[in-house]
C-alpha atoms as a PDB file:
ATOM      1  CA  UNK A   1     -17.025 -77.654  39.362  1.00  0.00           C
ATOM      2  CA  UNK A   2     -19.757 -80.095  38.304  1.00  0.00           C
ATOM      3  CA  UNK A   3     -22.353 -81.442  40.762  1.00  0.00           C
ATOM      4  CA  UNK A   4     -20.914 -84.969  40.870  1.00  0.00           C
ATOM      5  CA  UNK A   5     -17.475 -83.593  41.652  1.00  0.00           C
ATOM      6  CA  UNK A   6     -18.965 -81.478  44.438  1.00  0.00           C
ATOM      7  CA  UNK A   7     -20.830 -84.453  45.881  1.00  0.00           C
ATOM      8  CA  UNK A   8     -17.555 -86.260  46.292  1.00  0.00           C
ATOM      9  CA  UNK A   9     -16.089 -83.514  48.448  1.00  0.00           C
ATOM     10  CA  UNK A  10     -15.692 -83.528  52.253  1.00  0.00           C
ATOM     11  CA  UNK A  11     -19.179 -82.880  53.797  1.00  0.00           C
ATOM     12  CA  UNK A  12     -18.204 -82.181  57.469  1.00  0.00           C
ATOM     13  CA  UNK A  13     -18.792 -78.485  57.027  1.00  0.00           C
ATOM     14  CA  UNK A  14     -22.460 -78.785  56.104  1.00  0.00           C
ATOM     15  CA  UNK A  15     -24.438 -76.346  58.303  1.00  0.00           C
ATOM     16  CA  UNK A  16     -27.878 -78.013  58.050  1.00  0.00           C
ATOM     17  CA  UNK A  17     -29.020 -79.050  61.498  1.00  0.00           C
ATOM     18  CA  UNK A  18     -30.253 -82.281  60.059  1.00  0.00           C
ATOM     19  CA  UNK A  19     -31.341 -83.815  56.788  1.00  0.00           C
ATOM     20  CA  UNK A  20     -34.962 -83.125  57.662  1.00  0.00           C
ATOM     21  CA  UNK A  21     -36.870 -81.086  55.165  1.00  0.00           C
ATOM     22  CA  UNK A  22     -37.954 -78.604  57.804  1.00  0.00           C
ATOM     23  CA  UNK A  23     -34.309 -77.861  58.638  1.00  0.00           C
ATOM     24  CA  UNK A  24     -33.440 -77.419  54.968  1.00  0.00           C
ATOM     25  CA  UNK A  25     -36.204 -74.857  54.517  1.00  0.00           C
ATOM     26  CA  UNK A  26     -35.204 -73.095  57.704  1.00  0.00           C
ATOM     27  CA  UNK A  27     -31.509 -72.659  56.762  1.00  0.00           C
ATOM     28  CA  UNK A  28     -32.357 -71.427  53.225  1.00  0.00           C
ATOM     29  CA  UNK A  29     -34.582 -68.669  54.744  1.00  0.00           C
ATOM     30  CA  UNK A  30     -32.004 -67.771  57.432  1.00  0.00           C
ATOM     31  CA  UNK A  31     -29.241 -67.400  54.886  1.00  0.00           C
ATOM     32  CA  UNK A  32     -31.118 -65.946  51.930  1.00  0.00           C
ATOM     33  CA  UNK A  33     -34.156 -63.861  53.064  1.00  0.00           C
ATOM     34  CA  UNK A  34     -31.912 -60.813  53.592  1.00  0.00           C
ATOM     35  CA  UNK A  35     -30.638 -61.086  50.035  1.00  0.00           C
ATOM     36  CA  UNK A  36     -33.791 -61.986  48.120  1.00  0.00           C
ATOM     37  CA  UNK A  37     -36.801 -61.678  50.364  1.00  0.00           C
ATOM     38  CA  UNK A  38     -38.758 -64.543  51.938  1.00  0.00           C
ATOM     39  CA  UNK A  39     -41.193 -64.881  49.001  1.00  0.00           C
ATOM     40  CA  UNK A  40     -38.429 -65.320  46.428  1.00  0.00           C
ATOM     41  CA  UNK A  41     -36.606 -67.768  48.608  1.00  0.00           C
ATOM     42  CA  UNK A  42     -39.896 -69.759  48.838  1.00  0.00           C
ATOM     43  CA  UNK A  43     -39.980 -69.857  45.035  1.00  0.00           C
ATOM     44  CA  UNK A  44     -36.326 -71.096  44.898  1.00  0.00           C
ATOM     45  CA  UNK A  45     -37.211 -73.877  47.326  1.00  0.00           C
ATOM     46  CA  UNK A  46     -40.196 -74.981  45.344  1.00  0.00           C
ATOM     47  CA  UNK A  47     -38.038 -75.097  42.202  1.00  0.00           C
ATOM     48  CA  UNK A  48     -35.210 -76.946  43.903  1.00  0.00           C
ATOM     49  CA  UNK A  49     -37.420 -79.637  45.472  1.00  0.00           C
ATOM     50  CA  UNK A  50     -39.076 -80.204  42.140  1.00  0.00           C
ATOM     51  CA  UNK A  51     -35.794 -80.408  40.237  1.00  0.00           C
ATOM     52  CA  UNK A  52     -33.906 -82.496  42.788  1.00  0.00           C
ATOM     53  CA  UNK A  53     -36.577 -84.705  44.184  1.00  0.00           C
ATOM     54  CA  UNK A  54     -39.542 -84.395  41.877  1.00  0.00           C
ATOM     55  CA  UNK A  55     -41.746 -83.013  44.537  1.00  0.00           C
ATOM     56  CA  UNK A  56     -44.594 -80.614  43.836  1.00  0.00           C
ATOM     57  CA  UNK A  57     -45.705 -77.839  46.191  1.00  0.00           C
ATOM     58  CA  UNK A  58     -48.249 -80.049  47.937  1.00  0.00           C
ATOM     59  CA  UNK A  59     -45.813 -82.667  48.782  1.00  0.00           C
ATOM     60  CA  UNK A  60     -43.320 -80.143  50.006  1.00  0.00           C
ATOM     61  CA  UNK A  61     -45.907 -78.627  52.339  1.00  0.00           C
ATOM     62  CA  UNK A  62     -46.934 -82.005  53.698  1.00  0.00           C
ATOM     63  CA  UNK A  63     -43.467 -83.557  54.030  1.00  0.00           C
ATOM     64  CA  UNK A  64     -41.581 -81.219  56.242  1.00  0.00           C
ATOM     65  CA  UNK A  65     -40.778 -83.900  58.810  1.00  0.00           C
ATOM     66  CA  UNK A  66     -39.449 -86.285  56.213  1.00  0.00           C
ATOM     67  CA  UNK A  67     -35.686 -86.788  55.836  1.00  0.00           C
ATOM     68  CA  UNK A  68     -33.700 -86.995  52.577  1.00  0.00           C
ATOM     69  CA  UNK A  69     -30.617 -88.814  51.566  1.00  0.00           C
ATOM     70  CA  UNK A  70     -27.155 -87.397  52.140  1.00  0.00           C
ATOM     71  CA  UNK A  71     -26.408 -87.107  48.460  1.00  0.00           C
ATOM     72  CA  UNK A  72     -29.569 -85.052  48.011  1.00  0.00           C
ATOM     73  CA  UNK A  73     -28.716 -82.939  51.064  1.00  0.00           C
ATOM     74  CA  UNK A  74     -25.377 -82.061  49.377  1.00  0.00           C
ATOM     75  CA  UNK A  75     -27.218 -80.893  46.288  1.00  0.00           C
ATOM     76  CA  UNK A  76     -29.143 -78.408  48.518  1.00  0.00           C
ATOM     77  CA  UNK A  77     -25.952 -77.383  50.281  1.00  0.00           C
ATOM     78  CA  UNK A  78     -24.320 -76.408  46.893  1.00  0.00           C
ATOM     79  CA  UNK A  79     -27.513 -74.737  45.660  1.00  0.00           C
ATOM     80  CA  UNK A  80     -27.514 -72.617  48.777  1.00  0.00           C
ATOM     81  CA  UNK A  81     -23.838 -71.679  48.316  1.00  0.00           C
ATOM     82  CA  UNK A  82     -24.501 -70.805  44.687  1.00  0.00           C
ATOM     83  CA  UNK A  83     -27.538 -68.638  45.494  1.00  0.00           C
ATOM     84  CA  UNK A  84     -25.386 -66.769  47.996  1.00  0.00           C
ATOM     85  CA  UNK A  85     -23.181 -65.890  45.064  1.00  0.00           C
ATOM     86  CA  UNK A  86     -26.179 -64.654  43.064  1.00  0.00           C
ATOM     87  CA  UNK A  87     -26.095 -67.585  40.647  1.00  0.00           C
ATOM     88  CA  UNK A  88     -29.466 -67.710  38.888  1.00  0.00           C
ATOM     89  CA  UNK A  89     -31.746 -70.481  40.167  1.00  0.00           C
ATOM     90  CA  UNK A  90     -32.316 -71.472  36.480  1.00  0.00           C
ATOM     91  CA  UNK A  91     -28.610 -72.188  36.097  1.00  0.00           C
ATOM     92  CA  UNK A  92     -28.610 -74.214  39.287  1.00  0.00           C
ATOM     93  CA  UNK A  93     -31.402 -76.520  38.180  1.00  0.00           C
ATOM     94  CA  UNK A  94     -30.391 -76.214  34.549  1.00  0.00           C
ATOM     95  CA  UNK A  95     -33.670 -75.144  32.983  1.00  0.00           C
ATOM     96  CA  UNK A  96     -36.565 -72.766  33.003  1.00  0.00           C
ATOM     97  CA  UNK A  97     -40.236 -73.103  31.935  1.00  0.00           C
ATOM     98  CA  UNK A  98     -41.376 -70.809  29.097  1.00  0.00           C
ATOM     99  CA  UNK A  99     -44.804 -70.797  27.461  1.00  0.00           C
ATOM    100  CA  UNK A 100     -45.367 -74.444  28.402  1.00  0.00           C
ATOM    101  CA  UNK A 101     -41.938 -75.514  27.142  1.00  0.00           C
ATOM    102  CA  UNK A 102     -39.015 -76.604  29.323  1.00  0.00           C
ATOM    103  CA  UNK A 103     -35.951 -74.695  28.146  1.00  0.00           C
ATOM    104  CA  UNK A 104     -32.403 -75.647  29.040  1.00  0.00           C
ATOM    105  CA  UNK A 105     -30.259 -72.705  29.953  1.00  0.00           C
ATOM    106  CA  UNK A 106     -26.596 -71.939  30.736  1.00  0.00           C
ATOM    107  CA  UNK A 107     -24.165 -69.003  30.699  1.00  0.00           C
ATOM    108  CA  UNK A 108     -24.154 -69.345  26.882  1.00  0.00           C
ATOM    109  CA  UNK A 109     -27.735 -67.993  26.557  1.00  0.00           C
ATOM    110  CA  UNK A 110     -29.943 -65.387  28.086  1.00  0.00           C
ATOM    111  CA  UNK A 111     -32.410 -66.677  30.647  1.00  0.00           C
ATOM    112  CA  UNK A 112     -35.919 -66.098  29.218  1.00  0.00           C
ATOM    113  CA  UNK A 113     -37.663 -63.283  31.127  1.00  0.00           C
ATOM    114  CA  UNK A 114     -41.386 -63.168  32.111  1.00  0.00           C
ATOM    115  CA  UNK A 115     -41.719 -60.027  29.851  1.00  0.00           C
ATOM    116  CA  UNK A 116     -40.580 -62.104  26.852  1.00  0.00           C
ATOM    117  CA  UNK A 117     -43.001 -64.866  27.768  1.00  0.00           C
ATOM    118  CA  UNK A 118     -45.758 -62.310  27.889  1.00  0.00           C
ATOM    119  CA  UNK A 119     -44.948 -61.136  24.377  1.00  0.00           C
ATOM    120  CA  UNK A 120     -45.026 -64.698  22.986  1.00  0.00           C
ATOM    121  CA  UNK A 121     -48.356 -65.346  24.727  1.00  0.00           C
ATOM    122  CA  UNK A 122     -49.743 -62.185  23.187  1.00  0.00           C
ATOM    123  CA  UNK A 123     -48.686 -63.284  19.717  1.00  0.00           C
ATOM    124  CA  UNK A 124     -50.235 -66.728  20.228  1.00  0.00           C
ATOM    125  CA  UNK A 125     -53.482 -65.250  21.556  1.00  0.00           C
ATOM    126  CA  UNK A 126     -53.960 -62.568  18.920  1.00  0.00           C
ATOM    127  CA  UNK A 127     -52.552 -63.973  15.733  1.00  0.00           C
ATOM    128  CA  UNK A 128     -53.910 -67.431  15.125  1.00  0.00           C
ATOM    129  CA  UNK A 129     -53.534 -66.839  11.363  1.00  0.00           C
ATOM    130  CA  UNK A 130     -49.795 -67.612  11.782  1.00  0.00           C
ATOM    131  CA  UNK A 131     -50.624 -71.338  11.847  1.00  0.00           C
ATOM    132  CA  UNK A 132     -49.549 -71.871   8.213  1.00  0.00           C
ATOM    133  CA  UNK A 133     -47.021 -69.000   7.950  1.00  0.00           C
ATOM    134  CA  UNK A 134     -43.276 -68.905   7.981  1.00  0.00           C
ATOM    135  CA  UNK A 135     -41.947 -67.416  11.216  1.00  0.00           C
ATOM    136  CA  UNK A 136     -38.491 -66.057  11.867  1.00  0.00           C
ATOM    137  CA  UNK A 137     -36.907 -65.470  15.299  1.00  0.00           C
ATOM    138  CA  UNK A 138     -33.835 -63.206  15.068  1.00  0.00           C
ATOM    139  CA  UNK A 139     -31.316 -63.352  17.968  1.00  0.00           C
ATOM    140  CA  UNK A 140     -32.859 -66.571  19.026  1.00  0.00           C
ATOM    141  CA  UNK A 141     -30.541 -67.511  21.881  1.00  0.00           C
ATOM    142  CA  UNK A 142     -31.900 -70.498  23.726  1.00  0.00           C
ATOM    143  CA  UNK A 143     -34.514 -70.893  21.039  1.00  0.00           C
ATOM    144  CA  UNK A 144     -37.312 -70.307  23.564  1.00  0.00           C
ATOM    145  CA  UNK A 145     -39.421 -67.979  21.319  1.00  0.00           C
ATOM    146  CA  UNK A 146     -39.015 -70.097  18.181  1.00  0.00           C
ATOM    147  CA  UNK A 147     -39.827 -73.344  20.034  1.00  0.00           C
ATOM    148  CA  UNK A 148     -42.871 -71.804  21.747  1.00  0.00           C
ATOM    149  CA  UNK A 149     -44.191 -70.545  18.437  1.00  0.00           C
ATOM    150  CA  UNK A 150     -43.686 -73.928  16.778  1.00  0.00           C
ATOM    151  CA  UNK A 151     -45.539 -75.599  19.639  1.00  0.00           C
ATOM    152  CA  UNK A 152     -48.373 -73.118  19.277  1.00  0.00           C
ATOM    153  CA  UNK A 153     -48.540 -73.223  15.531  1.00  0.00           C
ATOM    154  CA  UNK A 154     -47.412 -76.790  14.458  1.00  0.00           C
ATOM    155  CA  UNK A 155     -48.201 -76.101  10.813  1.00  0.00           C
ATOM    156  CA  UNK A 156     -45.820 -73.122  10.633  1.00  0.00           C
ATOM    157  CA  UNK A 157     -42.269 -73.311   9.337  1.00  0.00           C
ATOM    158  CA  UNK A 158     -40.166 -71.675  12.105  1.00  0.00           C
ATOM    159  CA  UNK A 159     -36.522 -70.548  11.797  1.00  0.00           C
ATOM    160  CA  UNK A 160     -34.225 -69.068  14.367  1.00  0.00           C
ATOM    161  CA  UNK A 161     -31.046 -67.056  13.736  1.00  0.00           C
ATOM    162  CA  UNK A 162     -28.128 -66.323  16.131  1.00  0.00           C
ATOM    163  CA  UNK A 163     -24.557 -65.359  15.888  1.00  0.00           C
ATOM    164  CA  UNK A 164     -23.452 -67.602  18.731  1.00  0.00           C
ATOM    165  CA  UNK A 165     -22.637 -71.231  17.816  1.00  0.00           C
ATOM    166  CA  UNK A 166     -22.907 -72.245  21.547  1.00  0.00           C
ATOM    167  CA  UNK A 167     -26.394 -70.725  21.703  1.00  0.00           C
ATOM    168  CA  UNK A 168     -27.531 -72.489  18.612  1.00  0.00           C
ATOM    169  CA  UNK A 169     -26.340 -75.756  19.940  1.00  0.00           C
ATOM    170  CA  UNK A 170     -28.404 -75.283  23.029  1.00  0.00           C
ATOM    171  CA  UNK A 171     -31.431 -74.121  20.937  1.00  0.00           C
ATOM    172  CA  UNK A 172     -31.232 -77.264  18.853  1.00  0.00           C
ATOM    173  CA  UNK A 173     -31.110 -79.422  21.988  1.00  0.00           C
ATOM    174  CA  UNK A 174     -34.105 -77.467  23.431  1.00  0.00           C
ATOM    175  CA  UNK A 175     -36.123 -78.047  20.186  1.00  0.00           C
ATOM    176  CA  UNK A 176     -35.374 -81.753  20.312  1.00  0.00           C
ATOM    177  CA  UNK A 177     -36.304 -82.028  24.022  1.00  0.00           C
ATOM    178  CA  UNK A 178     -39.583 -80.224  23.313  1.00  0.00           C
ATOM    179  CA  UNK A 179     -40.411 -82.457  20.310  1.00  0.00           C
ATOM    180  CA  UNK A 180     -40.470 -79.752  17.616  1.00  0.00           C
ATOM    181  CA  UNK A 181     -38.611 -79.114  14.454  1.00  0.00           C
ATOM    182  CA  UNK A 182     -37.131 -75.595  14.152  1.00  0.00           C
ATOM    183  CA  UNK A 183     -34.482 -74.662  11.619  1.00  0.00           C
ATOM    184  CA  UNK A 184     -31.664 -72.855  13.406  1.00  0.00           C
ATOM    185  CA  UNK A 185     -29.139 -70.902  11.391  1.00  0.00           C
ATOM    186  CA  UNK A 186     -25.963 -69.199  12.410  1.00  0.00           C
ATOM    187  CA  UNK A 187     -25.959 -65.608  11.170  1.00  0.00           C
ATOM    188  CA  UNK A 188     -25.043 -62.027  12.344  1.00  0.00           C
ATOM    189  CA  UNK A 189     -28.190 -59.961  12.282  1.00  0.00           C
ATOM    190  CA  UNK A 190     -26.059 -56.782  12.203  1.00  0.00           C
ATOM    191  CA  UNK A 191     -24.552 -57.841   8.898  1.00  0.00           C
ATOM    192  CA  UNK A 192     -27.737 -59.152   7.230  1.00  0.00           C
ATOM    193  CA  UNK A 193     -28.548 -62.829   7.112  1.00  0.00           C
ATOM    194  CA  UNK A 194     -28.097 -65.336   4.305  1.00  0.00           C
ATOM    195  CA  UNK A 195     -30.301 -68.260   3.543  1.00  0.00           C
ATOM    196  CA  UNK A 196     -33.578 -66.863   4.733  1.00  0.00           C
ATOM    197  CA  UNK A 197     -36.610 -68.612   3.194  1.00  0.00           C
ATOM    198  CA  UNK A 198     -39.127 -65.734   3.322  1.00  0.00           C
ATOM    199  CA  UNK A 199     -41.432 -64.164   2.967  1.00  0.00           C
ATOM    200  CA  UNK A 200     -42.337 -64.488   6.637  1.00  0.00           C
ATOM    201  CA  UNK A 201     -45.714 -63.974   8.122  1.00  0.00           C
ATOM    202  CA  UNK A 202     -44.055 -63.148  11.466  1.00  0.00           C
ATOM    203  CA  UNK A 203     -40.615 -61.799  12.331  1.00  0.00           C
ATOM    204  CA  UNK A 204     -39.973 -61.604  16.029  1.00  0.00           C
ATOM    205  CA  UNK A 205     -36.884 -60.641  18.015  1.00  0.00           C
ATOM    206  CA  UNK A 206     -35.540 -60.046  21.543  1.00  0.00           C
ATOM    207  CA  UNK A 207     -32.302 -58.467  20.508  1.00  0.00           C
ATOM    208  CA  UNK A 208     -29.558 -56.950  22.797  1.00  0.00           C
ATOM    209  CA  UNK A 209     -30.858 -53.472  23.947  1.00  0.00           C
ATOM    210  CA  UNK A 210     -29.281 -52.625  27.297  1.00  0.00           C
ATOM    211  CA  UNK A 211     -27.052 -49.641  27.005  1.00  0.00           C
ATOM    212  CA  UNK A 212     -23.555 -49.840  28.619  1.00  0.00           C
ATOM    213  CA  UNK A 213     -24.379 -46.933  30.847  1.00  0.00           C
ATOM    214  CA  UNK A 214     -27.310 -48.987  32.264  1.00  0.00           C
ATOM    215  CA  UNK A 215     -24.992 -51.690  33.708  1.00  0.00           C
ATOM    216  CA  UNK A 216     -25.033 -50.038  37.101  1.00  0.00           C
ATOM    217  CA  UNK A 217     -28.771 -50.539  37.400  1.00  0.00           C
ATOM    218  CA  UNK A 218     -28.571 -54.270  36.808  1.00  0.00           C
ATOM    219  CA  UNK A 219     -28.488 -57.056  39.368  1.00  0.00           C
ATOM    220  CA  UNK A 220     -25.533 -59.334  39.930  1.00  0.00           C
ATOM    221  CA  UNK A 221     -27.368 -62.451  38.900  1.00  0.00           C
ATOM    222  CA  UNK A 222     -27.674 -60.930  35.401  1.00  0.00           C
ATOM    223  CA  UNK A 223     -24.317 -59.177  35.121  1.00  0.00           C
ATOM    224  CA  UNK A 224     -22.294 -62.158  36.410  1.00  0.00           C
ATOM    225  CA  UNK A 225     -24.015 -64.993  34.574  1.00  0.00           C
ATOM    226  CA  UNK A 226     -25.882 -63.876  31.457  1.00  0.00           C
ATOM    227  CA  UNK A 227     -23.819 -63.460  28.258  1.00  0.00           C
ATOM    228  CA  UNK A 228     -22.884 -59.818  27.595  1.00  0.00           C
ATOM    229  CA  UNK A 229     -23.263 -60.577  23.855  1.00  0.00           C
ATOM    230  CA  UNK A 230     -26.999 -61.024  24.358  1.00  0.00           C
ATOM    231  CA  UNK A 231     -27.461 -58.018  26.512  1.00  0.00           C
ATOM    232  CA  UNK A 232     -25.442 -54.930  25.747  1.00  0.00           C
ATOM    233  CA  UNK A 233     -25.232 -52.317  23.041  1.00  0.00           C
ATOM    234  CA  UNK A 234     -22.966 -49.251  22.772  1.00  0.00           C
ATOM    235  CA  UNK A 235     -24.166 -46.017  24.258  1.00  0.00           C
ATOM    236  CA  UNK A 236     -23.537 -44.198  20.980  1.00  0.00           C
ATOM    237  CA  UNK A 237     -25.540 -46.657  18.892  1.00  0.00           C
ATOM    238  CA  UNK A 238     -28.166 -48.309  21.149  1.00  0.00           C
ATOM    239  CA  UNK A 239     -30.650 -48.983  18.332  1.00  0.00           C
ATOM    240  CA  UNK A 240     -28.206 -50.813  16.049  1.00  0.00           C
ATOM    241  CA  UNK A 241     -30.062 -54.075  16.235  1.00  0.00           C
ATOM    242  CA  UNK A 242     -33.400 -52.420  15.506  1.00  0.00           C
ATOM    243  CA  UNK A 243     -31.967 -50.744  12.446  1.00  0.00           C
ATOM    244  CA  UNK A 244     -30.731 -54.072  11.177  1.00  0.00           C
ATOM    245  CA  UNK A 245     -34.030 -55.858  11.994  1.00  0.00           C
ATOM    246  CA  UNK A 246     -36.053 -53.203  10.250  1.00  0.00           C
ATOM    247  CA  UNK A 247     -33.891 -53.630   7.124  1.00  0.00           C
ATOM    248  CA  UNK A 248     -34.293 -57.397   7.217  1.00  0.00           C
ATOM    249  CA  UNK A 249     -38.093 -57.069   7.754  1.00  0.00           C
ATOM    250  CA  UNK A 250     -38.447 -54.697   4.857  1.00  0.00           C
ATOM    251  CA  UNK A 251     -36.987 -57.253   2.619  1.00  0.00           C
ATOM    252  CA  UNK A 252     -38.345 -60.481   4.032  1.00  0.00           C
ATOM    253  CA  UNK A 253     -41.626 -59.720   5.861  1.00  0.00           C
ATOM    254  CA  UNK A 254     -44.799 -60.640   3.921  1.00  0.00           C
ATOM    255  CA  UNK A 255     -47.019 -57.712   2.909  1.00  0.00           C
ATOM    256  CA  UNK A 256     -49.634 -58.766   5.452  1.00  0.00           C
ATOM    257  CA  UNK A 257     -47.029 -59.943   7.937  1.00  0.00           C
ATOM    258  CA  UNK A 258     -46.352 -58.858  11.536  1.00  0.00           C
ATOM    259  CA  UNK A 259     -43.093 -57.696  13.076  1.00  0.00           C
ATOM    260  CA  UNK A 260     -42.738 -57.948  16.902  1.00  0.00           C
ATOM    261  CA  UNK A 261     -39.649 -56.797  18.838  1.00  0.00           C
ATOM    262  CA  UNK A 262     -38.895 -56.514  22.513  1.00  0.00           C
ATOM    263  CA  UNK A 263     -37.499 -53.056  23.397  1.00  0.00           C
ATOM    264  CA  UNK A 264     -35.738 -50.956  25.928  1.00  0.00           C
ATOM    265  CA  UNK A 265     -38.429 -49.146  27.835  1.00  0.00           C
ATOM    266  CA  UNK A 266     -36.384 -45.981  27.856  1.00  0.00           C
ATOM    267  CA  UNK A 267     -36.120 -45.839  24.099  1.00  0.00           C
ATOM    268  CA  UNK A 268     -39.628 -46.649  22.923  1.00  0.00           C
ATOM    269  CA  UNK A 269     -40.131 -43.417  20.862  1.00  0.00           C
ATOM    270  CA  UNK A 270     -36.705 -43.681  19.271  1.00  0.00           C
ATOM    271  CA  UNK A 271     -37.274 -47.374  18.375  1.00  0.00           C
ATOM    272  CA  UNK A 272     -40.615 -46.591  16.771  1.00  0.00           C
ATOM    273  CA  UNK A 273     -38.889 -43.984  14.698  1.00  0.00           C
ATOM    274  CA  UNK A 274     -36.462 -46.574  13.302  1.00  0.00           C
ATOM    275  CA  UNK A 275     -39.389 -48.663  11.951  1.00  0.00           C
ATOM    276  CA  UNK A 276     -41.364 -45.704  10.696  1.00  0.00           C
ATOM    277  CA  UNK A 277     -38.288 -44.743   8.637  1.00  0.00           C
ATOM    278  CA  UNK A 278     -38.523 -48.138   6.891  1.00  0.00           C
ATOM    279  CA  UNK A 279     -42.186 -47.806   6.060  1.00  0.00           C
ATOM    280  CA  UNK A 280     -43.695 -49.640   9.012  1.00  0.00           C
ATOM    281  CA  UNK A 281     -46.589 -48.590  11.279  1.00  0.00           C
ATOM    282  CA  UNK A 282     -45.275 -49.434  14.800  1.00  0.00           C
ATOM    283  CA  UNK A 283     -47.354 -49.613  17.967  1.00  0.00           C
ATOM    284  CA  UNK A 284     -45.967 -49.764  21.487  1.00  0.00           C
ATOM    285  CA  UNK A 285     -47.322 -52.257  23.962  1.00  0.00           C
ATOM    286  CA  UNK A 286     -46.877 -52.204  27.735  1.00  0.00           C
ATOM    287  CA  UNK A 287     -45.915 -55.223  29.841  1.00  0.00           C
ATOM    288  CA  UNK A 288     -47.584 -56.468  32.974  1.00  0.00           C
ATOM    289  CA  UNK A 289     -45.610 -53.851  34.965  1.00  0.00           C
ATOM    290  CA  UNK A 290     -47.042 -51.027  32.861  1.00  0.00           C
ATOM    291  CA  UNK A 291     -43.678 -50.326  31.083  1.00  0.00           C
ATOM    292  CA  UNK A 292     -43.223 -50.038  27.279  1.00  0.00           C
ATOM    293  CA  UNK A 293     -41.903 -53.505  26.384  1.00  0.00           C
ATOM    294  CA  UNK A 294     -42.575 -54.410  22.836  1.00  0.00           C
ATOM    295  CA  UNK A 295     -43.450 -52.958  19.428  1.00  0.00           C
ATOM    296  CA  UNK A 296     -45.650 -54.715  16.864  1.00  0.00           C
ATOM    297  CA  UNK A 297     -45.430 -53.223  13.355  1.00  0.00           C
ATOM    298  CA  UNK A 298     -47.175 -53.779  10.053  1.00  0.00           C
ATOM    299  CA  UNK A 299     -46.502 -52.278   6.633  1.00  0.00           C
END
């Protein structure tokens, strides 16, 4: 049910003690700390007050005795109910921030992760020569990587490819909202892609890489709300996307170009072997948690 429909519902069962900010904060912590931890709930509240009321952290800290309108109180009520069902906070507010870009998200696309943001920041920091290159983002999803690269390298021609029409529609909207031009193309990476305008100075991808047998290790906010198409690969062929990406890069990556892919931390050596077999020199990089997270490869 949409937010406006919810706002029109009977509100007698609201459990907030009042519409005072202090009471809103208190109920969120009472209901959610046991599920997420106090620190995470505090982050949720910061995000909700910014999205719903336009408040920054300072105003939230200094306005705890202020009251809010009943319609706004209802929005917090439904956000609380959604969080109790493990709905991602990004879906509740409708967006996430990624490398300085505001990216709209929904159940049609994977919510960008901090690890992916780290990879893009690394590319931007270490490869300024990409300014005038063609860049290709395979399995683009929300378009977050392609859009962030175009923002960082305005002179570059950037394209994104995805098999999902719904994801591409959102990617195009995100590009427009961030004031950049990115060419988004529907294509199945596993079956090759048509219409690529290489050679590319950079090919980057965050493809599906979670094995089916790893489902049990994942949290409900991912399993219940992120698209399985963007997450999972078969147990008997977990590197299928990397094989396809290596073949595409062999044909379309410039001789002095760079290939960067996010990887399953448990399959770093096996993924490196895929690229070595296609004549690349791969190197594994660790993320901020010290886990193998991405491979950069050159010819």
